[in-house]
Amino acid sequence: MLGTKFAFSTAYHPQTDGLAERMIQTIDYIIRRFCAYGMEYKDHKGYTHDCVTLLPAVQLANNTIQHSTTRKSPSLVEKG
């Protein structure tokens, strides 16, 4: 449809560029670091949150940050 070619591959296969695998590693790293301080977090106003309720904020941060490979945010690449 858009001139793309579908190909099955494994991580770091020479026929792929590994961007999806790298993105998964980055998201995994962010979530691990985000939840590493425990399941509860108290903000500066005294409200208590757990890492599950704060995951939408992590998702928003990841989707709006400019990535070095594309020079665009993932939401801009996906939705235009």
Protein backbone atom coordinates (compact mmCIF):
# COMPACT_ATOMS: atom_id res chain seq x y z
CA MET A 1 0.00 0.00 0.00
CA LEU A 2 2.71 2.48 0.96
CA GLY A 3 5.51 0.79 -0.92
CA THR A 4 6.69 -1.18 2.10
CA LYS A 5 7.78 -4.80 2.07
CA PHE A 6 6.78 -7.17 4.88
CA ALA A 7 9.52 -9.55 6.01
CA PHE A 8 9.75 -11.91 8.98
CA SER A 9 12.96 -11.54 10.92
CA THR A 10 14.61 -11.99 14.28
CA ALA A 11 16.28 -9.38 16.41
CA TYR A 12 19.50 -7.99 14.96
CA HIS A 13 19.09 -9.93 11.72
CA PRO A 14 21.21 -8.41 8.94
CA GLN A 15 18.13 -7.83 6.77
CA THR A 16 16.56 -5.48 9.32
CA ASP A 17 17.78 -2.32 10.97
CA GLY A 18 16.78 -3.37 14.51
CA LEU A 19 14.76 -0.22 15.26
CA ALA A 20 11.79 -2.11 16.70
CA GLU A 21 14.04 -4.21 18.92
CA ARG A 22 15.87 -1.10 20.09
CA MET A 23 12.58 0.64 20.87
CA ILE A 24 11.43 -2.36 22.93
CA GLN A 25 14.72 -2.33 24.85
CA THR A 26 14.35 1.39 25.53
CA ILE A 27 10.78 1.04 26.79
CA ASP A 28 11.80 -1.92 28.95
CA TYR A 29 14.66 0.14 30.41
CA ILE A 30 12.37 3.11 31.14
CA ILE A 31 9.74 0.97 32.87
CA ARG A 32 12.34 -0.89 34.95
CA ARG A 33 13.95 2.37 36.12
CA PHE A 34 10.59 3.98 36.69
CA CYS A 35 9.31 1.16 38.92
CA ALA A 36 12.66 0.38 40.58
CA TYR A 37 12.04 2.75 43.48
CA GLY A 38 9.11 0.74 44.73
CA MET A 39 5.45 0.43 43.99
CA GLU A 40 4.50 3.71 45.70
CA TYR A 41 5.66 7.22 44.99
CA LYS A 42 4.76 10.38 46.90
CA ASP A 43 4.81 13.58 44.86
CA HIS A 44 5.66 17.08 46.06
CA LYS A 45 2.01 17.76 46.98
CA GLY A 46 1.83 14.70 49.22
CA TYR A 47 -0.27 12.52 46.90
CA THR A 48 0.67 8.87 46.78
CA HIS A 49 0.86 7.12 43.41
CA ASP A 50 1.95 3.67 42.34
CA CYS A 51 3.94 2.98 39.19
CA VAL A 52 0.90 1.47 37.46
CA THR A 53 -1.09 4.71 37.68
CA LEU A 54 1.92 6.68 36.43
CA LEU A 55 2.50 4.49 33.34
CA PRO A 56 0.39 6.79 31.10
CA ALA A 57 2.84 9.59 31.95
CA VAL A 58 5.75 7.34 30.94
CA GLN A 59 3.95 6.49 27.70
CA LEU A 60 3.31 10.15 26.95
CA ALA A 61 6.94 11.05 27.65
CA ASN A 62 8.20 8.27 25.37
CA ASN A 63 5.76 9.12 22.57
CA THR A 64 6.52 12.84 22.55
CA ILE A 65 10.31 12.86 22.93
CA GLN A 66 12.35 13.43 19.77
CA HIS A 67 14.28 10.27 18.93
CA SER A 68 17.81 10.48 17.59
CA THR A 69 17.31 8.15 14.62
CA THR A 70 14.22 9.74 13.10
CA ARG A 71 14.59 13.27 14.51
CA LYS A 72 10.84 13.09 15.19
CA SER A 73 8.62 11.87 17.99
CA PRO A 74 6.99 8.43 17.58
CA SER A 75 3.49 9.94 17.68
CA LEU A 76 4.42 12.36 14.92
CA VAL A 77 5.84 9.52 12.81
CA GLU A 78 2.77 7.35 13.40
CA LYS A 79 0.01 9.94 13.03
CA GLY A 80 1.67 12.62 10.94
